[in-house]
Protein backbone atom coordinates (compact mmCIF):
# COMPACT_ATOMS: atom_id res chain seq x y z
CA UNK A 1 -46.23 -11.96 29.88
CA UNK A 2 -44.28 -14.05 27.38
CA UNK A 3 -44.69 -11.42 24.64
CA UNK A 4 -43.57 -8.75 27.11
CA UNK A 5 -40.48 -10.84 27.94
CA UNK A 6 -39.52 -11.20 24.27
CA UNK A 7 -40.09 -7.49 23.74
CA UNK A 8 -37.61 -6.77 26.52
CA UNK A 9 -35.10 -9.14 24.91
CA UNK A 10 -35.42 -7.31 21.62
CA UNK A 11 -35.01 -3.93 23.32
CA UNK A 12 -31.96 -5.04 25.30
CA UNK A 13 -30.50 -6.82 22.26
CA UNK A 14 -30.84 -3.66 20.20
CA UNK A 15 -29.29 -1.63 23.02
CA UNK A 16 -26.29 -3.91 23.45
CA UNK A 17 -25.79 -4.14 19.69
CA UNK A 18 -25.83 -0.36 19.40
CA UNK A 19 -23.46 -0.09 22.36
CA UNK A 20 -21.11 -2.63 20.78
CA UNK A 21 -21.10 -0.78 17.46
CA UNK A 22 -20.60 2.56 19.19
CA UNK A 23 -17.59 1.11 21.01
CA UNK A 24 -15.83 0.39 17.74
CA UNK A 25 -13.11 2.80 16.73
CA UNK A 26 -13.63 4.90 13.64
CA UNK A 27 -10.34 4.82 11.70
CA UNK A 28 -9.48 6.78 8.55
CA UNK A 29 -6.53 5.84 6.35
CA UNK A 30 -5.22 6.91 2.94
CA UNK A 31 -4.12 4.38 0.28
CA UNK A 32 -5.38 0.80 -0.03
CA UNK A 33 -2.23 -1.05 1.20
CA UNK A 34 -2.20 0.98 4.41
CA UNK A 35 -5.96 0.57 4.77
CA UNK A 36 -5.65 -3.20 4.51
CA UNK A 37 -2.74 -3.41 6.94
CA UNK A 38 -4.72 -1.35 9.47
CA UNK A 39 -7.81 -3.55 8.92
CA UNK A 40 -5.84 -6.65 9.80
CA UNK A 41 -4.41 -5.12 12.97
CA UNK A 42 -7.67 -3.52 14.13
CA UNK A 43 -9.83 -6.55 13.36
CA UNK A 44 -13.42 -6.33 14.53
CA UNK A 45 -12.63 -3.53 16.99
CA UNK A 46 -12.82 -0.81 14.31
CA UNK A 47 -14.42 0.44 11.16
CA UNK A 48 -11.64 1.36 8.72
CA UNK A 49 -12.23 3.68 5.76
CA UNK A 50 -9.61 4.61 3.15
CA UNK A 51 -9.85 8.15 1.80
CA UNK A 52 -7.96 7.56 -1.48
CA UNK A 53 -10.04 5.46 -3.90
CA UNK A 54 -8.26 2.51 -5.47
CA UNK A 55 -7.08 3.18 -9.00
CA UNK A 56 -6.60 6.89 -8.28
CA UNK A 57 -3.20 8.58 -8.40
CA UNK A 58 -2.46 9.05 -4.70
CA UNK A 59 0.23 11.66 -5.44
CA UNK A 60 -2.22 14.09 -7.02
CA UNK A 61 -5.30 13.14 -4.98
CA UNK A 62 -7.25 16.05 -3.52
CA UNK A 63 -9.81 15.23 -0.81
CA UNK A 64 -13.42 16.05 -1.60
CA UNK A 65 -15.65 18.13 0.72
CA UNK A 66 -17.36 14.87 1.74
CA UNK A 67 -14.01 13.59 3.03
CA UNK A 68 -13.98 16.36 5.65
CA UNK A 69 -16.96 14.71 7.33
CA UNK A 70 -15.14 11.36 7.45
CA UNK A 71 -12.02 12.95 8.90
CA UNK A 72 -14.06 14.87 11.47
CA UNK A 73 -15.59 11.63 12.76
CA UNK A 74 -12.28 9.73 13.02
CA UNK A 75 -10.92 8.55 16.36
CA UNK A 76 -7.48 8.12 14.77
CA UNK A 77 -6.09 8.85 11.31
CA UNK A 78 -3.32 6.76 9.73
CA UNK A 79 -1.43 8.34 6.83
CA UNK A 80 1.73 7.23 5.06
CA UNK A 81 3.55 10.52 5.42
CA UNK A 82 6.75 11.31 3.49
CA UNK A 83 4.77 14.05 1.70
CA UNK A 84 2.36 11.59 0.04
CA UNK A 85 -0.94 12.95 1.39
CA UNK A 86 -0.20 16.60 2.14
CA UNK A 87 -3.64 17.99 1.09
CA UNK A 88 -5.45 15.30 3.09
CA UNK A 89 -3.28 15.80 6.17
CA UNK A 90 -3.80 19.56 5.99
CA UNK A 91 -7.57 19.07 5.82
CA UNK A 92 -7.46 16.57 8.67
CA UNK A 93 -5.63 19.05 10.90
CA UNK A 94 -8.36 21.61 10.25
CA UNK A 95 -11.42 19.42 10.84
CA UNK A 96 -10.45 16.51 13.10
CA UNK A 97 -11.56 16.06 16.69
CA UNK A 98 -9.07 17.51 19.15
CA UNK A 99 -8.49 14.05 20.61
CA UNK A 100 -7.88 12.38 17.23
CA UNK A 101 -4.23 11.70 16.47
CA UNK A 102 -2.77 11.81 12.95
CA UNK A 103 -0.17 9.04 12.66
CA UNK A 104 2.18 9.46 9.69
CA UNK A 105 3.52 5.92 9.77
CA UNK A 106 6.25 6.29 7.17
CA UNK A 107 7.80 9.19 9.09
CA UNK A 108 8.17 6.85 12.07
CA UNK A 109 9.84 4.16 9.96
CA UNK A 110 12.52 6.09 8.07
CA UNK A 111 14.31 9.25 9.10
CA UNK A 112 15.00 12.11 6.69
CA UNK A 113 18.54 10.85 6.21
CA UNK A 114 17.18 7.57 4.85
CA UNK A 115 14.77 9.11 2.34
CA UNK A 116 15.25 7.88 -1.21
CA UNK A 117 15.13 10.14 -4.25
CA UNK A 118 15.07 9.23 -7.94
CA UNK A 119 13.87 10.36 -11.38
CA UNK A 120 10.22 10.49 -10.30
CA UNK A 121 11.17 11.96 -6.92
CA UNK A 122 14.23 14.21 -7.43
CA UNK A 123 15.98 15.50 -4.34
CA UNK A 124 15.87 19.12 -5.49
CA UNK A 125 12.06 18.99 -5.39
CA UNK A 126 12.19 17.95 -1.76
CA UNK A 127 9.62 15.15 -1.97
CA UNK A 128 11.03 11.70 -1.14
CA UNK A 129 9.87 8.46 -2.66
CA UNK A 130 7.09 7.48 -0.22
CA UNK A 131 6.60 3.85 -1.30
CA UNK A 132 7.95 2.00 1.73
CA UNK A 133 5.38 -0.79 1.84
CA UNK A 134 6.65 -2.97 -1.10
CA UNK A 135 9.59 -3.69 1.21
CA UNK A 136 7.87 -6.25 3.43
CA UNK A 137 10.23 -5.69 6.36
CA UNK A 138 8.97 -2.10 6.35
CA UNK A 139 5.37 -3.24 5.83
CA UNK A 140 5.77 -5.18 9.06
CA UNK A 141 6.70 -1.94 10.78
CA UNK A 142 3.45 -0.41 9.45
CA UNK A 143 1.59 -3.17 11.29
CA UNK A 144 3.58 -2.77 14.50
CA UNK A 145 3.20 1.01 14.60
CA UNK A 146 -0.52 0.64 13.94
CA UNK A 147 -0.77 -1.88 16.78
CA UNK A 148 1.09 0.35 19.23
CA UNK A 149 -1.07 3.36 18.28
CA UNK A 150 -4.31 1.40 18.77
CA UNK A 151 -3.16 -0.08 22.09
CA UNK A 152 -2.44 3.43 23.35
CA UNK A 153 -5.81 4.69 22.16
CA UNK A 154 -7.84 1.65 23.23
CA UNK A 155 -5.89 -0.23 25.93
CA UNK A 156 -8.98 -2.21 26.95
CA UNK A 157 -8.67 -4.25 23.76
CA UNK A 158 -4.87 -4.42 23.59
CA UNK A 159 -4.94 -8.23 23.61
CA UNK A 160 -7.00 -8.18 20.40
CA UNK A 161 -4.53 -5.88 18.66
CA UNK A 162 -1.52 -7.91 19.76
CA UNK A 163 -3.09 -11.20 18.68
CA UNK A 164 -4.16 -9.80 15.30
CA UNK A 165 -0.73 -8.31 14.67
CA UNK A 166 1.09 -11.51 15.60
CA UNK A 167 -1.02 -13.49 13.13
CA UNK A 168 -0.63 -10.87 10.42
CA UNK A 169 3.12 -10.57 10.88
CA UNK A 170 3.37 -14.31 10.39
CA UNK A 171 1.61 -13.98 7.03
CA UNK A 172 3.85 -11.06 6.04
CA UNK A 173 6.95 -13.05 7.01
CA UNK A 174 5.91 -15.85 4.64
CA UNK A 175 5.32 -13.30 1.88
CA UNK A 176 8.76 -11.80 2.52
CA UNK A 177 10.41 -15.21 2.17
CA UNK A 178 8.48 -15.89 -1.04
CA UNK A 179 9.66 -12.61 -2.57
CA UNK A 180 13.29 -13.56 -1.89
CA UNK A 181 12.64 -16.90 -3.60
CA UNK A 182 10.95 -15.19 -6.56
CA UNK A 183 13.93 -12.90 -7.10
CA UNK A 184 16.38 -15.81 -6.76
CA UNK A 185 14.52 -17.59 -9.55
CA UNK A 186 15.28 -14.70 -11.92
CA UNK A 187 18.62 -14.93 -13.77
CA UNK A 188 21.05 -12.51 -12.08
CA UNK A 189 21.54 -10.51 -15.27
CA UNK A 190 17.77 -9.88 -15.47
CA UNK A 191 17.20 -8.61 -11.94
CA UNK A 192 16.56 -5.13 -13.26
CA UNK A 193 13.49 -2.99 -12.78
CA UNK A 194 12.27 -0.29 -15.12
CA UNK A 195 8.85 1.06 -14.22
CA UNK A 196 6.75 3.99 -15.30
CA UNK A 197 6.35 5.27 -11.74
CA UNK A 198 9.10 4.29 -9.30
CA UNK A 199 7.41 2.40 -6.48
CA UNK A 200 10.32 0.05 -5.80
CA UNK A 201 13.08 2.26 -4.41
CA UNK A 202 12.86 0.59 -0.98
CA UNK A 203 11.92 -2.82 -2.37
CA UNK A 204 14.91 -3.35 -4.66
CA UNK A 205 17.78 -3.10 -2.14
CA UNK A 206 16.14 -5.62 0.20
CA UNK A 207 15.50 -8.31 -2.39
CA UNK A 208 18.53 -7.96 -4.64
CA UNK A 209 16.98 -6.09 -7.55
CA UNK A 210 18.37 -3.00 -9.28
CA UNK A 211 16.14 -0.10 -10.24
CA UNK A 212 17.47 1.04 -13.62
CA UNK A 213 15.06 3.94 -13.84
CA UNK A 214 11.52 5.25 -13.91
CA UNK A 215 9.86 6.81 -16.92
CA UNK A 216 7.52 9.30 -15.25
CA UNK A 217 8.95 12.76 -14.48
CA UNK A 218 8.50 14.40 -11.08
CA UNK A 219 5.55 16.52 -12.25
CA UNK A 220 3.62 13.35 -13.24
CA UNK A 221 3.59 14.39 -16.90
CA UNK A 222 4.76 12.35 -19.88
CA UNK A 223 8.53 12.42 -20.54
CA UNK A 224 9.73 14.90 -23.16
CA UNK A 225 11.05 13.62 -26.52
CA UNK A 226 14.60 14.25 -25.34
CA UNK A 227 13.97 12.26 -22.16
CA UNK A 228 12.42 9.43 -24.20
CA UNK A 229 15.54 9.16 -26.38
CA UNK A 230 17.76 9.13 -23.28
CA UNK A 231 15.63 6.44 -21.63
CA UNK A 232 15.65 4.20 -24.72
CA UNK A 233 19.44 4.46 -25.00
CA UNK A 234 19.79 3.59 -21.32
CA UNK A 235 17.51 0.57 -21.59
CA UNK A 236 19.35 -0.73 -24.66
CA UNK A 237 22.70 -0.27 -22.92
CA UNK A 238 21.48 -2.11 -19.83
CA UNK A 239 19.82 -4.82 -21.97
CA UNK A 240 16.65 -4.56 -19.90
CA UNK A 241 14.29 -7.49 -20.63
CA UNK A 242 10.99 -5.88 -19.52
CA UNK A 243 9.41 -2.51 -18.84
CA UNK A 244 6.63 -2.43 -16.27
CA UNK A 245 3.65 -0.12 -16.35
CA UNK A 246 0.60 0.33 -14.16
CA UNK A 247 -3.12 0.76 -14.76
CA UNK A 248 -3.08 3.70 -12.35
CA UNK A 249 -0.45 5.53 -14.39
CA UNK A 250 -1.53 5.14 -17.99
CA UNK A 251 1.16 6.22 -20.44
CA UNK A 252 0.81 6.53 -24.20
CA UNK A 253 4.55 6.49 -24.66
CA UNK A 254 5.58 3.60 -22.41
CA UNK A 255 4.70 0.79 -24.84
CA UNK A 256 6.65 2.55 -27.59
CA UNK A 257 9.66 2.98 -25.30
CA UNK A 258 9.66 -0.73 -24.54
CA UNK A 259 9.40 -1.61 -28.23
CA UNK A 260 12.28 0.70 -29.19
CA UNK A 261 14.39 -0.74 -26.37
CA UNK A 262 13.66 -4.35 -27.46
CA UNK A 263 11.97 -5.04 -24.12
CA UNK A 264 8.69 -6.72 -23.24
CA UNK A 265 5.99 -4.32 -22.07
CA UNK A 266 4.03 -5.46 -18.98
CA UNK A 267 1.20 -3.14 -17.89
CA UNK A 268 0.11 -4.97 -14.73
CA UNK A 269 2.25 -4.09 -11.70
CA UNK A 270 0.45 -2.32 -8.85
CA UNK A 271 1.71 -0.36 -5.87
CA UNK A 272 -1.54 0.74 -4.23
CA UNK A 273 -4.33 -0.90 -6.26
CA UNK A 274 -5.40 -4.24 -4.77
CA UNK A 275 -6.28 -7.11 -7.14
CA UNK A 276 -9.82 -8.28 -7.70
CA UNK A 277 -12.81 -6.67 -6.03
CA UNK A 278 -13.69 -5.90 -2.44
CA UNK A 279 -14.60 -9.15 -0.73
CA UNK A 280 -12.37 -11.32 -2.93
CA UNK A 281 -9.84 -13.43 -1.05
CA UNK A 282 -6.92 -11.86 -2.93
CA UNK A 283 -8.16 -8.26 -2.53
CA UNK A 284 -5.44 -7.61 0.03
CA UNK A 285 -2.02 -6.03 0.36
CA UNK A 286 -0.45 -9.49 0.45
CA UNK A 287 -2.48 -10.47 -2.61
CA UNK A 288 -1.19 -7.41 -4.46
CA UNK A 289 2.45 -8.12 -3.66
CA UNK A 290 2.18 -11.85 -4.43
CA UNK A 291 0.59 -11.01 -7.77
CA UNK A 292 3.32 -8.45 -8.50
CA UNK A 293 6.01 -11.04 -7.87
CA UNK A 294 4.45 -13.62 -10.18
CA UNK A 295 4.23 -11.01 -12.93
CA UNK A 296 7.72 -9.66 -12.30
CA UNK A 297 9.42 -13.05 -12.09
CA UNK A 298 7.65 -14.37 -15.17
CA UNK A 299 8.57 -11.34 -17.29
CA UNK A 300 12.23 -11.40 -16.21
CA UNK A 301 12.84 -15.08 -16.90
CA UNK A 302 12.11 -16.46 -13.44
CA UNK A 303 9.47 -18.72 -11.94
CA UNK A 304 6.03 -17.23 -12.58
CA UNK A 305 4.54 -19.61 -9.98
CA UNK A 306 6.98 -18.48 -7.29
CA UNK A 307 4.31 -16.96 -5.02
CA UNK A 308 1.44 -19.33 -5.71
CA UNK A 309 1.78 -20.89 -2.26
CA UNK A 310 1.45 -17.58 -0.39
CA UNK A 311 -1.70 -17.22 1.69
CA UNK A 312 -3.16 -13.97 0.35
CA UNK A 313 -6.29 -13.67 2.49
CA UNK A 314 -6.73 -11.41 5.49
CA UNK A 315 -6.21 -12.93 8.94
CA UNK A 316 -8.98 -15.15 10.30
CA UNK A 317 -12.18 -13.28 10.98
CA UNK A 318 -11.37 -10.23 8.84
CA UNK A 319 -13.99 -9.89 6.13
CA UNK A 320 -13.36 -6.33 4.90
């Protein structure tokens, strides 16, 4: 009788575990910062999978056939929008469940009239700069829009989503304040950004930085010799102290441009590649931005420890 009783416990335990897992939402996202924001809002109520691998150029990413299966199984799909993931969104429209909504978060945050264009994203090409998330006020809107979408989809667990978002917004608010302090620590004459790929078009106006330019042309090629000469002259004229590169966008010419312009070359900024490895405390969107600010401030003559106090981990209970 006792063995029979324990057998029933095992059976019912397995059933309830399976039911609990089945009740979780299946969420698909695109780039790592958005994936991590969604993870923090969804908490343990969802399984969140990012389609774009970290370290891969999200602008030229083409989904693999295996990604169609992931998109087909999704209950909801969060994309950045602003033309960043057009091939993935097109595939999602073709294969997704009829009930699955595609939420292009960036399109809900900024209207067409507020799109920013620059050297890497010229207006005549029609593709705006999509990098809203380095502006933490806008990153907070990513979290809020995610929350509202999940509450609508899964109202039974709305309290979870609201509680998670409140805690996460508090962490983002502290990061936002730290970024202001980091920039203030930089001498005013050095608050200039030159990057290979312009990910800071929405960041700079909020925090008091000036984007002098980006090196990478709109077609994601290397700049032509004529463009290189023009860029070097511009950097010398502006007396730019540092040129920032990225591991995602490797450039053979960038180090030479920095040398010719008498600037320090820093190849460590990231816009969608989280630091460390999955499972590390700092492998988060907040960790990425805090690390960026320490690098940026240090290279431009500010306080390299300006973001050391920022809590970079996910909210309590998030172990993704």
